[in-house]
Amino acid sequence: MGDHTNWSEEEFKAYLCLYAADSNFEFHIEEKKLIESKFSPEVIEKIKEVTDDLNDHQRSRIIVDYVKSKKYTESQIDDLLKEMKEVYLSDGSFDQYEQSIYNMLKKIIKI
């Protein structure tokens, strides 16, 4: 799984956005465009290379580990969640599965 706690803030945010876009197994063009507008192709590719073969438990563990290692404040966590929600909403839909993943992440990273 690698040492993701050494990622830069930009790499971690790119990971969150990619995680959100892929969480319902449908990577919509609007989500892709939004992510590409926020991050360089190099950052996106680096994160995809490291995380594409991980299962959902491993992917969510990366988020929890990173947030804990960087000692995020409640406000910073809220900002991260807003960024994820922006990706979820970019395709005009925030389906039940996406909401479930979002709420699960909200619970586990706010502990």
PDB file of N, CA and C in Angstrom:
ATOM      1  N   MET A   1       0.825  -1.197   0.000  1.00  0.00           N
ATOM      2  CA  MET A   1       0.000   0.000   0.000  1.00  0.00           C
ATOM      3  C   MET A   1       0.865   1.255   0.000  1.00  0.00           C
ATOM      4  N   GLY A   2       2.116   1.146   0.411  1.00  0.00           N
ATOM      5  CA  GLY A   2       3.000   2.305   0.370  1.00  0.00           C
ATOM      6  C   GLY A   2       2.813   3.232   1.555  1.00  0.00           C
ATOM      7  N   ASP A   3       3.688   4.217   1.646  1.00  0.00           N
ATOM      8  CA  ASP A   3       3.598   5.168   2.746  1.00  0.00           C
ATOM      9  C   ASP A   3       2.902   6.435   2.271  1.00  0.00           C
ATOM     10  N   HIS A   4       1.609   6.397   2.280  1.00  0.00           N
ATOM     11  CA  HIS A   4       0.797   7.518   1.831  1.00  0.00           C
ATOM     12  C   HIS A   4       0.825   8.700   2.795  1.00  0.00           C
ATOM     13  N   THR A   5       1.309   8.485   4.022  1.00  0.00           N
ATOM     14  CA  THR A   5       1.378   9.606   4.964  1.00  0.00           C
ATOM     15  C   THR A   5       2.451  10.612   4.556  1.00  0.00           C
ATOM     16  N   ASN A   6       3.295  10.240   3.598  1.00  0.00           N
ATOM     17  CA  ASN A   6       4.313  11.161   3.080  1.00  0.00           C
ATOM     18  C   ASN A   6       3.819  11.959   1.882  1.00  0.00           C
ATOM     19  N   TRP A   7       2.577  11.735   1.471  1.00  0.00           N
ATOM     20  CA  TRP A   7       2.035  12.504   0.364  1.00  0.00           C
ATOM     21  C   TRP A   7       1.951  13.973   0.735  1.00  0.00           C
ATOM     22  N   SER A   8       2.041  14.814  -0.277  1.00  0.00           N
ATOM     23  CA  SER A   8       1.816  16.242  -0.060  1.00  0.00           C
ATOM     24  C   SER A   8       0.314  16.461   0.142  1.00  0.00           C
ATOM     25  N   GLU A   9      -0.028  17.640   0.604  1.00  0.00           N
ATOM     26  CA  GLU A   9      -1.443  18.004   0.778  1.00  0.00           C
ATOM     27  C   GLU A   9      -2.185  17.913  -0.566  1.00  0.00           C
ATOM     28  N   GLU A  10      -1.542  18.385  -1.634  1.00  0.00           N
ATOM     29  CA  GLU A  10      -2.151  18.338  -2.958  1.00  0.00           C
ATOM     30  C   GLU A  10      -2.395  16.889  -3.395  1.00  0.00           C
ATOM     31  N   GLU A  11      -1.437  16.017  -3.159  1.00  0.00           N
ATOM     32  CA  GLU A  11      -1.594  14.609  -3.527  1.00  0.00           C
ATOM     33  C   GLU A  11      -2.741  13.970  -2.747  1.00  0.00           C
ATOM     34  N   PHE A  12      -2.827  14.288  -1.465  1.00  0.00           N
ATOM     35  CA  PHE A  12      -3.905  13.731  -0.655  1.00  0.00           C
ATOM     36  C   PHE A  12      -5.268  14.235  -1.129  1.00  0.00           C
ATOM     37  N   LYS A  13      -5.372  15.509  -1.434  1.00  0.00           N
ATOM     38  CA  LYS A  13      -6.643  16.051  -1.925  1.00  0.00           C
ATOM     39  C   LYS A  13      -7.012  15.437  -3.276  1.00  0.00           C
ATOM     40  N   ALA A  14      -6.017  15.229  -4.118  1.00  0.00           N
ATOM     41  CA  ALA A  14      -6.271  14.556  -5.400  1.00  0.00           C
ATOM     42  C   ALA A  14      -6.789  13.146  -5.142  1.00  0.00           C
ATOM     43  N   TYR A  15      -6.187  12.473  -4.181  1.00  0.00           N
ATOM     44  CA  TYR A  15      -6.651  11.128  -3.822  1.00  0.00           C
ATOM     45  C   TYR A  15      -8.109  11.148  -3.361  1.00  0.00           C
ATOM     46  N   LEU A  16      -8.449  12.099  -2.493  1.00  0.00           N
ATOM     47  CA  LEU A  16      -9.830  12.202  -2.006  1.00  0.00           C
ATOM     48  C   LEU A  16     -10.807  12.401  -3.159  1.00  0.00           C
ATOM     49  N   CYS A  17     -10.443  13.267  -4.070  1.00  0.00           N
ATOM     50  CA  CYS A  17     -11.324  13.532  -5.209  1.00  0.00           C
ATOM     51  C   CYS A  17     -11.456  12.303  -6.108  1.00  0.00           C
ATOM     52  N   LEU A  18     -10.360  11.623  -6.357  1.00  0.00           N
ATOM     53  CA  LEU A  18     -10.416  10.399  -7.159  1.00  0.00           C
ATOM     54  C   LEU A  18     -11.221   9.313  -6.443  1.00  0.00           C
ATOM     55  N   TYR A  19     -11.047   9.224  -5.140  1.00  0.00           N
ATOM     56  CA  TYR A  19     -11.803   8.259  -4.339  1.00  0.00           C
ATOM     57  C   TYR A  19     -13.297   8.547  -4.447  1.00  0.00           C
ATOM     58  N   ALA A  20     -13.664   9.802  -4.309  1.00  0.00           N
ATOM     59  CA  ALA A  20     -15.075  10.191  -4.399  1.00  0.00           C
ATOM     60  C   ALA A  20     -15.625   9.876  -5.789  1.00  0.00           C
ATOM     61  N   ALA A  21     -14.880  10.219  -6.821  1.00  0.00           N
ATOM     62  CA  ALA A  21     -15.351  10.004  -8.188  1.00  0.00           C
ATOM     63  C   ALA A  21     -15.558   8.529  -8.495  1.00  0.00           C
ATOM     64  N   ASP A  22     -14.747   7.688  -7.904  1.00  0.00           N
ATOM     65  CA  ASP A  22     -14.788   6.254  -8.202  1.00  0.00           C
ATOM     66  C   ASP A  22     -15.619   5.458  -7.197  1.00  0.00           C
ATOM     67  N   SER A  23     -16.137   6.100  -6.164  1.00  0.00           N
ATOM     68  CA  SER A  23     -16.781   5.355  -5.084  1.00  0.00           C
ATOM     69  C   SER A  23     -18.059   4.634  -5.490  1.00  0.00           C
ATOM     70  N   ASN A  24     -18.725   5.093  -6.547  1.00  0.00           N
ATOM     71  CA  ASN A  24     -19.915   4.381  -7.009  1.00  0.00           C
ATOM     72  C   ASN A  24     -19.622   3.586  -8.291  1.00  0.00           C
ATOM     73  N   PHE A  25     -18.343   3.402  -8.580  1.00  0.00           N
ATOM     74  CA  PHE A  25     -17.863   2.610  -9.716  1.00  0.00           C
ATOM     75  C   PHE A  25     -18.243   3.207 -11.073  1.00  0.00           C
ATOM     76  N   GLU A  26     -18.580   4.494 -11.085  1.00  0.00           N
ATOM     77  CA  GLU A  26     -18.894   5.210 -12.319  1.00  0.00           C
ATOM     78  C   GLU A  26     -18.135   6.540 -12.309  1.00  0.00           C
ATOM     79  N   PHE A  27     -17.118   6.638 -13.128  1.00  0.00           N
ATOM     80  CA  PHE A  27     -16.293   7.833 -13.189  1.00  0.00           C
ATOM     81  C   PHE A  27     -16.829   8.715 -14.315  1.00  0.00           C
ATOM     82  N   HIS A  28     -17.725   9.651 -13.983  1.00  0.00           N
ATOM     83  CA  HIS A  28     -18.396  10.493 -14.965  1.00  0.00           C
ATOM     84  C   HIS A  28     -17.464  11.563 -15.522  1.00  0.00           C
ATOM     85  N   ILE A  29     -17.746  11.976 -16.738  1.00  0.00           N
ATOM     86  CA  ILE A  29     -16.929  12.980 -17.428  1.00  0.00           C
ATOM     87  C   ILE A  29     -16.865  14.284 -16.640  1.00  0.00           C
ATOM     88  N   GLU A  30     -17.968  14.670 -15.996  1.00  0.00           N
ATOM     89  CA  GLU A  30     -17.978  15.908 -15.210  1.00  0.00           C
ATOM     90  C   GLU A  30     -17.032  15.801 -14.012  1.00  0.00           C
ATOM     91  N   GLU A  31     -16.991  14.629 -13.391  1.00  0.00           N
ATOM     92  CA  GLU A  31     -16.078  14.405 -12.268  1.00  0.00           C
ATOM     93  C   GLU A  31     -14.636  14.464 -12.754  1.00  0.00           C
ATOM     94  N   LYS A  32     -14.380  13.833 -13.877  1.00  0.00           N
ATOM     95  CA  LYS A  32     -13.032  13.828 -14.452  1.00  0.00           C
ATOM     96  C   LYS A  32     -12.574  15.249 -14.769  1.00  0.00           C
ATOM     97  N   LYS A  33     -13.448  16.031 -15.399  1.00  0.00           N
ATOM     98  CA  LYS A  33     -13.095  17.414 -15.745  1.00  0.00           C
ATOM     99  C   LYS A  33     -12.802  18.243 -14.502  1.00  0.00           C
ATOM    100  N   LEU A  34     -13.618  18.084 -13.468  1.00  0.00           N
ATOM    101  CA  LEU A  34     -13.399  18.824 -12.231  1.00  0.00           C
ATOM    102  C   LEU A  34     -12.043  18.470 -11.620  1.00  0.00           C
ATOM    103  N   ILE A  35     -11.751  17.192 -11.550  1.00  0.00           N
ATOM    104  CA  ILE A  35     -10.479  16.745 -10.966  1.00  0.00           C
ATOM    105  C   ILE A  35      -9.300  17.243 -11.798  1.00  0.00           C
ATOM    106  N   GLU A  36      -9.425  17.153 -13.104  1.00  0.00           N
ATOM    107  CA  GLU A  36      -8.343  17.624 -13.977  1.00  0.00           C
ATOM    108  C   GLU A  36      -8.148  19.132 -13.900  1.00  0.00           C
ATOM    109  N   SER A  37      -9.196  19.858 -13.524  1.00  0.00           N
ATOM    110  CA  SER A  37      -9.054  21.310 -13.384  1.00  0.00           C
ATOM    111  C   SER A  37      -8.364  21.690 -12.070  1.00  0.00           C
ATOM    112  N   LYS A  38      -8.355  20.794 -11.109  1.00  0.00           N
ATOM    113  CA  LYS A  38      -7.783  21.080  -9.796  1.00  0.00           C
ATOM    114  C   LYS A  38      -6.347  20.581  -9.627  1.00  0.00           C
ATOM    115  N   PHE A  39      -5.990  19.518 -10.363  1.00  0.00           N
ATOM    116  CA  PHE A  39      -4.700  18.869 -10.139  1.00  0.00           C
ATOM    117  C   PHE A  39      -3.970  18.616 -11.452  1.00  0.00           C
ATOM    118  N   SER A  40      -2.653  18.604 -11.368  1.00  0.00           N
ATOM    119  CA  SER A  40      -1.841  18.361 -12.561  1.00  0.00           C
ATOM    120  C   SER A  40      -1.985  16.897 -13.004  1.00  0.00           C
ATOM    121  N   PRO A  41      -1.775  16.655 -14.290  1.00  0.00           N
ATOM    122  CA  PRO A  41      -1.830  15.268 -14.786  1.00  0.00           C
ATOM    123  C   PRO A  41      -0.825  14.360 -14.066  1.00  0.00           C
ATOM    124  N   GLU A  42       0.315  14.916 -13.691  1.00  0.00           N
ATOM    125  CA  GLU A  42       1.341  14.132 -13.009  1.00  0.00           C
ATOM    126  C   GLU A  42       0.869  13.669 -11.631  1.00  0.00           C
ATOM    127  N   VAL A  43       0.220  14.556 -10.903  1.00  0.00           N
ATOM    128  CA  VAL A  43      -0.284  14.201  -9.575  1.00  0.00           C
ATOM    129  C   VAL A  43      -1.388  13.150  -9.694  1.00  0.00           C
ATOM    130  N   ILE A  44      -2.298  13.354 -10.620  1.00  0.00           N
ATOM    131  CA  ILE A  44      -3.396  12.400 -10.815  1.00  0.00           C
ATOM    132  C   ILE A  44      -2.837  11.028 -11.171  1.00  0.00           C
ATOM    133  N   GLU A  45      -1.904  10.993 -12.103  1.00  0.00           N
ATOM    134  CA  GLU A  45      -1.320   9.719 -12.522  1.00  0.00           C
ATOM    135  C   GLU A  45      -0.579   9.037 -11.374  1.00  0.00           C
ATOM    136  N   LYS A  46       0.174   9.800 -10.608  1.00  0.00           N
ATOM    137  CA  LYS A  46       0.916   9.226  -9.474  1.00  0.00           C
ATOM    138  C   LYS A  46      -0.038   8.561  -8.484  1.00  0.00           C
ATOM    139  N   ILE A  47      -1.105   9.246  -8.150  1.00  0.00           N
ATOM    140  CA  ILE A  47      -2.062   8.713  -7.178  1.00  0.00           C
ATOM    141  C   ILE A  47      -2.763   7.482  -7.746  1.00  0.00           C
ATOM    142  N   LYS A  48      -3.160   7.532  -9.006  1.00  0.00           N
ATOM    143  CA  LYS A  48      -3.828   6.390  -9.623  1.00  0.00           C
ATOM    144  C   LYS A  48      -2.920   5.162  -9.644  1.00  0.00           C
ATOM    145  N   GLU A  49      -1.658   5.362  -9.970  1.00  0.00           N
ATOM    146  CA  GLU A  49      -0.709   4.241 -10.020  1.00  0.00           C
ATOM    147  C   GLU A  49      -0.589   3.543  -8.674  1.00  0.00           C
ATOM    148  N   VAL A  50      -0.611   4.312  -7.605  1.00  0.00           N
ATOM    149  CA  VAL A  50      -0.423   3.771  -6.264  1.00  0.00           C
ATOM    150  C   VAL A  50      -1.697   3.141  -5.701  1.00  0.00           C
ATOM    151  N   THR A  51      -2.857   3.623  -6.138  1.00  0.00           N
ATOM    152  CA  THR A  51      -4.092   3.213  -5.460  1.00  0.00           C
ATOM    153  C   THR A  51      -5.087   2.416  -6.302  1.00  0.00           C
ATOM    154  N   ASP A  52      -4.898   2.328  -7.610  1.00  0.00           N
ATOM    155  CA  ASP A  52      -5.896   1.678  -8.459  1.00  0.00           C
ATOM    156  C   ASP A  52      -6.188   0.224  -8.083  1.00  0.00           C
ATOM    157  N   ASP A  53      -5.214  -0.497  -7.585  1.00  0.00           N
ATOM    158  CA  ASP A  53      -5.414  -1.916  -7.283  1.00  0.00           C
ATOM    159  C   ASP A  53      -5.824  -2.189  -5.841  1.00  0.00           C
ATOM    160  N   LEU A  54      -6.114  -1.143  -5.076  1.00  0.00           N
ATOM    161  CA  LEU A  54      -6.482  -1.337  -3.672  1.00  0.00           C
ATOM    162  C   LEU A  54      -7.968  -1.625  -3.526  1.00  0.00           C
ATOM    163  N   ASN A  55      -8.311  -2.355  -2.460  1.00  0.00           N
ATOM    164  CA  ASN A  55      -9.732  -2.593  -2.184  1.00  0.00           C
ATOM    165  C   ASN A  55     -10.296  -1.417  -1.376  1.00  0.00           C
ATOM    166  N   ASP A  56     -11.602  -1.429  -1.151  1.00  0.00           N
ATOM    167  CA  ASP A  56     -12.253  -0.301  -0.497  1.00  0.00           C
ATOM    168  C   ASP A  56     -11.747  -0.084   0.931  1.00  0.00           C
ATOM    169  N   HIS A  57     -11.495  -1.163   1.641  1.00  0.00           N
ATOM    170  CA  HIS A  57     -10.979  -1.030   3.011  1.00  0.00           C
ATOM    171  C   HIS A  57      -9.615  -0.336   2.992  1.00  0.00           C
ATOM    172  N   GLN A  58      -8.740  -0.757   2.109  1.00  0.00           N
ATOM    173  CA  GLN A  58      -7.410  -0.145   2.011  1.00  0.00           C
ATOM    174  C   GLN A  58      -7.519   1.329   1.621  1.00  0.00           C
ATOM    175  N   ARG A  59      -8.425   1.627   0.716  1.00  0.00           N
ATOM    176  CA  ARG A  59      -8.596   3.011   0.265  1.00  0.00           C
ATOM    177  C   ARG A  59      -9.098   3.911   1.396  1.00  0.00           C
ATOM    178  N   SER A  60     -10.066   3.445   2.150  1.00  0.00           N
ATOM    179  CA  SER A  60     -10.573   4.264   3.254  1.00  0.00           C
ATOM    180  C   SER A  60      -9.531   4.366   4.370  1.00  0.00           C
ATOM    181  N   ARG A  61      -8.727   3.330   4.551  1.00  0.00           N
ATOM    182  CA  ARG A  61      -7.656   3.348   5.561  1.00  0.00           C
ATOM    183  C   ARG A  61      -6.638   4.444   5.254  1.00  0.00           C
ATOM    184  N   ILE A  62      -6.353   4.663   3.988  1.00  0.00           N
ATOM    185  CA  ILE A  62      -5.426   5.728   3.583  1.00  0.00           C
ATOM    186  C   ILE A  62      -5.935   7.066   4.106  1.00  0.00           C
ATOM    187  N   ILE A  63      -7.223   7.314   3.948  1.00  0.00           N
ATOM    188  CA  ILE A  63      -7.806   8.580   4.385  1.00  0.00           C
ATOM    189  C   ILE A  63      -7.687   8.744   5.887  1.00  0.00           C
ATOM    190  N   VAL A  64      -8.072   7.723   6.622  1.00  0.00           N
ATOM    191  CA  VAL A  64      -8.016   7.778   8.091  1.00  0.00           C
ATOM    192  C   VAL A  64      -6.573   7.973   8.558  1.00  0.00           C
ATOM    193  N   ASP A  65      -5.660   7.194   8.024  1.00  0.00           N
ATOM    194  CA  ASP A  65      -4.252   7.287   8.429  1.00  0.00           C
ATOM    195  C   ASP A  65      -3.671   8.663   8.139  1.00  0.00           C
ATOM    196  N   TYR A  66      -3.967   9.198   6.964  1.00  0.00           N
ATOM    197  CA  TYR A  66      -3.407  10.496   6.585  1.00  0.00           C
ATOM    198  C   TYR A  66      -3.938  11.600   7.489  1.00  0.00           C
ATOM    199  N   VAL A  67      -5.246  11.612   7.704  1.00  0.00           N
ATOM    200  CA  VAL A  67      -5.860  12.647   8.542  1.00  0.00           C
ATOM    201  C   VAL A  67      -5.302  12.590   9.960  1.00  0.00           C
ATOM    202  N   LYS A  68      -5.148  11.384  10.488  1.00  0.00           N
ATOM    203  CA  LYS A  68      -4.598  11.242  11.846  1.00  0.00           C
ATOM    204  C   LYS A  68      -3.131  11.657  11.903  1.00  0.00           C
ATOM    205  N   SER A  69      -2.360  11.267  10.898  1.00  0.00           N
ATOM    206  CA  SER A  69      -0.927  11.577  10.920  1.00  0.00           C
ATOM    207  C   SER A  69      -0.665  13.074  10.798  1.00  0.00           C
ATOM    208  N   LYS A  70      -1.540  13.786  10.125  1.00  0.00           N
ATOM    209  CA  LYS A  70      -1.370  15.228   9.938  1.00  0.00           C
ATOM    210  C   LYS A  70      -2.112  16.042  10.994  1.00  0.00           C
ATOM    211  N   LYS A  71      -2.811  15.350  11.883  1.00  0.00           N
ATOM    212  CA  LYS A  71      -3.524  15.997  12.998  1.00  0.00           C
ATOM    213  C   LYS A  71      -4.443  17.121  12.499  1.00  0.00           C
ATOM    214  N   TYR A  72      -5.290  16.770  11.575  1.00  0.00           N
ATOM    215  CA  TYR A  72      -6.238  17.723  11.022  1.00  0.00           C
ATOM    216  C   TYR A  72      -7.195  18.237  12.093  1.00  0.00           C
ATOM    217  N   THR A  73      -7.533  19.501  11.980  1.00  0.00           N
ATOM    218  CA  THR A  73      -8.536  20.085  12.871  1.00  0.00           C
ATOM    219  C   THR A  73      -9.923  19.757  12.315  1.00  0.00           C
ATOM    220  N   GLU A  74     -10.925  19.981  13.121  1.00  0.00           N
ATOM    221  CA  GLU A  74     -12.314  19.762  12.689  1.00  0.00           C
ATOM    222  C   GLU A  74     -12.634  20.603  11.451  1.00  0.00           C
ATOM    223  N   SER A  75     -12.163  21.828  11.441  1.00  0.00           N
ATOM    224  CA  SER A  75     -12.386  22.727  10.313  1.00  0.00           C
ATOM    225  C   SER A  75     -11.706  22.209   9.044  1.00  0.00           C
ATOM    226  N   GLN A  76     -10.502  21.717   9.159  1.00  0.00           N
ATOM    227  CA  GLN A  76      -9.787  21.167   8.010  1.00  0.00           C
ATOM    228  C   GLN A  76     -10.493  19.924   7.464  1.00  0.00           C
ATOM    229  N   ILE A  77     -11.001  19.095   8.377  1.00  0.00           N
ATOM    230  CA  ILE A  77     -11.744  17.902   7.965  1.00  0.00           C
ATOM    231  C   ILE A  77     -13.010  18.316   7.221  1.00  0.00           C
ATOM    232  N   ASP A  78     -13.698  19.314   7.741  1.00  0.00           N
ATOM    233  CA  ASP A  78     -14.902  19.812   7.069  1.00  0.00           C
ATOM    234  C   ASP A  78     -14.580  20.310   5.658  1.00  0.00           C
ATOM    235  N   ASP A  79     -13.440  20.978   5.497  1.00  0.00           N
ATOM    236  CA  ASP A  79     -13.025  21.453   4.175  1.00  0.00           C
ATOM    237  C   ASP A  79     -12.756  20.284   3.222  1.00  0.00           C
ATOM    238  N   LEU A  80     -12.120  19.234   3.737  1.00  0.00           N
ATOM    239  CA  LEU A  80     -11.870  18.046   2.918  1.00  0.00           C
ATOM    240  C   LEU A  80     -13.190  17.405   2.480  1.00  0.00           C
ATOM    241  N   LEU A  81     -14.119  17.321   3.406  1.00  0.00           N
ATOM    242  CA  LEU A  81     -15.417  16.727   3.088  1.00  0.00           C
ATOM    243  C   LEU A  81     -16.172  17.563   2.058  1.00  0.00           C
ATOM    244  N   LYS A  82     -16.051  18.884   2.146  1.00  0.00           N
ATOM    245  CA  LYS A  82     -16.686  19.765   1.157  1.00  0.00           C
ATOM    246  C   LYS A  82     -16.105  19.514  -0.232  1.00  0.00           C
ATOM    247  N   GLU A  83     -14.792  19.327  -0.274  1.00  0.00           N
ATOM    248  CA  GLU A  83     -14.128  19.079  -1.549  1.00  0.00           C
ATOM    249  C   GLU A  83     -14.610  17.757  -2.162  1.00  0.00           C
ATOM    250  N   MET A  84     -14.755  16.752  -1.319  1.00  0.00           N
ATOM    251  CA  MET A  84     -15.273  15.470  -1.803  1.00  0.00           C
ATOM    252  C   MET A  84     -16.716  15.626  -2.298  1.00  0.00           C
ATOM    253  N   LYS A  85     -17.510  16.345  -1.540  1.00  0.00           N
ATOM    254  CA  LYS A  85     -18.912  16.516  -1.913  1.00  0.00           C
ATOM    255  C   LYS A  85     -19.034  17.262  -3.244  1.00  0.00           C
ATOM    256  N   GLU A  86     -18.131  18.190  -3.488  1.00  0.00           N
ATOM    257  CA  GLU A  86     -18.119  18.906  -4.764  1.00  0.00           C
ATOM    258  C   GLU A  86     -17.957  17.922  -5.927  1.00  0.00           C
ATOM    259  N   VAL A  87     -17.093  16.938  -5.748  1.00  0.00           N
ATOM    260  CA  VAL A  87     -16.900  15.917  -6.787  1.00  0.00           C
ATOM    261  C   VAL A  87     -18.183  15.102  -6.948  1.00  0.00           C
ATOM    262  N   TYR A  88     -18.756  14.680  -5.826  1.00  0.00           N
ATOM    263  CA  TYR A  88     -19.999  13.907  -5.891  1.00  0.00           C
ATOM    264  C   TYR A  88     -21.100  14.659  -6.641  1.00  0.00           C
ATOM    265  N   LEU A  89     -21.199  15.949  -6.419  1.00  0.00           N
ATOM    266  CA  LEU A  89     -22.271  16.743  -7.017  1.00  0.00           C
ATOM    267  C   LEU A  89     -21.976  17.193  -8.447  1.00  0.00           C
ATOM    268  N   SER A  90     -20.745  17.062  -8.892  1.00  0.00           N
ATOM    269  CA  SER A  90     -20.352  17.597 -10.196  1.00  0.00           C
ATOM    270  C   SER A  90     -21.092  16.967 -11.368  1.00  0.00           C
ATOM    271  N   ASP A  91     -21.568  15.749 -11.210  1.00  0.00           N
ATOM    272  CA  ASP A  91     -22.304  15.103 -12.307  1.00  0.00           C
ATOM    273  C   ASP A  91     -23.808  15.322 -12.194  1.00  0.00           C
ATOM    274  N   GLY A  92     -24.223  16.172 -11.237  1.00  0.00           N
ATOM    275  CA  GLY A  92     -25.641  16.483 -11.075  1.00  0.00           C
ATOM    276  C   GLY A  92     -26.408  15.476 -10.243  1.00  0.00           C
ATOM    277  N   SER A  93     -25.701  14.521  -9.670  1.00  0.00           N
ATOM    278  CA  SER A  93     -26.351  13.478  -8.881  1.00  0.00           C
ATOM    279  C   SER A  93     -25.499  13.149  -7.667  1.00  0.00           C
ATOM    280  N   PHE A  94     -26.149  12.886  -6.569  1.00  0.00           N
ATOM    281  CA  PHE A  94     -25.474  12.434  -5.345  1.00  0.00           C
ATOM    282  C   PHE A  94     -26.267  11.223  -4.886  1.00  0.00           C
ATOM    283  N   ASP A  95     -26.020  10.100  -5.586  1.00  0.00           N
ATOM    284  CA  ASP A  95     -26.847   8.921  -5.395  1.00  0.00           C
ATOM    285  C   ASP A  95     -26.686   8.305  -4.016  1.00  0.00           C
ATOM    286  N   GLN A  96     -27.542   7.351  -3.733  1.00  0.00           N
ATOM    287  CA  GLN A  96     -27.599   6.742  -2.411  1.00  0.00           C
ATOM    288  C   GLN A  96     -26.276   6.076  -2.030  1.00  0.00           C
ATOM    289  N   TYR A  97     -25.638   5.433  -2.981  1.00  0.00           N
ATOM    290  CA  TYR A  97     -24.367   4.774  -2.700  1.00  0.00           C
ATOM    291  C   TYR A  97     -23.285   5.799  -2.364  1.00  0.00           C
ATOM    292  N   GLU A  98     -23.235   6.873  -3.138  1.00  0.00           N
ATOM    293  CA  GLU A  98     -22.260   7.936  -2.874  1.00  0.00           C
ATOM    294  C   GLU A  98     -22.519   8.555  -1.492  1.00  0.00           C
ATOM    295  N   GLN A  99     -23.770   8.780  -1.169  1.00  0.00           N
ATOM    296  CA  GLN A  99     -24.117   9.333   0.139  1.00  0.00           C
ATOM    297  C   GLN A  99     -23.671   8.398   1.261  1.00  0.00           C
ATOM    298  N   SER A 100     -23.845   7.115   1.054  1.00  0.00           N
ATOM    299  CA  SER A 100     -23.443   6.125   2.054  1.00  0.00           C
ATOM    300  C   SER A 100     -21.925   6.160   2.282  1.00  0.00           C
ATOM    301  N   ILE A 101     -21.157   6.185   1.208  1.00  0.00           N
ATOM    302  CA  ILE A 101     -19.687   6.255   1.306  1.00  0.00           C
ATOM    303  C   ILE A 101     -19.276   7.563   1.980  1.00  0.00           C
ATOM    304  N   TYR A 102     -19.876   8.657   1.558  1.00  0.00           N
ATOM    305  CA  TYR A 102     -19.575   9.971   2.133  1.00  0.00           C
ATOM    306  C   TYR A 102     -19.847   9.977   3.643  1.00  0.00           C
ATOM    307  N   ASN A 103     -20.996   9.479   4.053  1.00  0.00           N
ATOM    308  CA  ASN A 103     -21.351   9.454   5.480  1.00  0.00           C
ATOM    309  C   ASN A 103     -20.436   8.536   6.285  1.00  0.00           C
ATOM    310  N   MET A 104     -20.033   7.406   5.693  1.00  0.00           N
ATOM    311  CA  MET A 104     -19.097   6.509   6.371  1.00  0.00           C
ATOM    312  C   MET A 104     -17.767   7.206   6.585  1.00  0.00           C
ATOM    313  N   LEU A 105     -17.261   7.863   5.549  1.00  0.00           N
ATOM    314  CA  LEU A 105     -15.979   8.578   5.680  1.00  0.00           C
ATOM    315  C   LEU A 105     -16.074   9.701   6.698  1.00  0.00           C
ATOM    316  N   LYS A 106     -17.181  10.395   6.675  1.00  0.00           N
ATOM    317  CA  LYS A 106     -17.409  11.481   7.621  1.00  0.00           C
ATOM    318  C   LYS A 106     -17.290  10.967   9.060  1.00  0.00           C
ATOM    319  N   LYS A 107     -17.865   9.814   9.302  1.00  0.00           N
ATOM    320  CA  LYS A 107     -17.821   9.225  10.652  1.00  0.00           C
ATOM    321  C   LYS A 107     -16.406   8.786  11.031  1.00  0.00           C
ATOM    322  N   ILE A 108     -15.727   8.101  10.123  1.00  0.00           N
ATOM    323  CA  ILE A 108     -14.433   7.533  10.502  1.00  0.00           C
ATOM    324  C   ILE A 108     -13.310   8.564  10.591  1.00  0.00           C
ATOM    325  N   ILE A 109     -13.401   9.662   9.843  1.00  0.00           N
ATOM    326  CA  ILE A 109     -12.296  10.631   9.936  1.00  0.00           C
ATOM    327  C   ILE A 109     -12.550  11.685  11.004  1.00  0.00           C
ATOM    328  N   LYS A 110     -13.757  11.756  11.530  1.00  0.00           N
ATOM    329  CA  LYS A 110     -14.042  12.728  12.575  1.00  0.00           C
ATOM    330  C   LYS A 110     -13.857  12.145  13.978  1.00  0.00           C
ATOM    331  N   ILE A 111     -13.423  10.915  14.051  1.00  0.00           N
ATOM    332  CA  ILE A 111     -13.216  10.267  15.362  1.00  0.00           C
ATOM    333  C   ILE A 111     -11.994  10.821  16.035  1.00  0.00           C
TER     334      ILE A 111
END
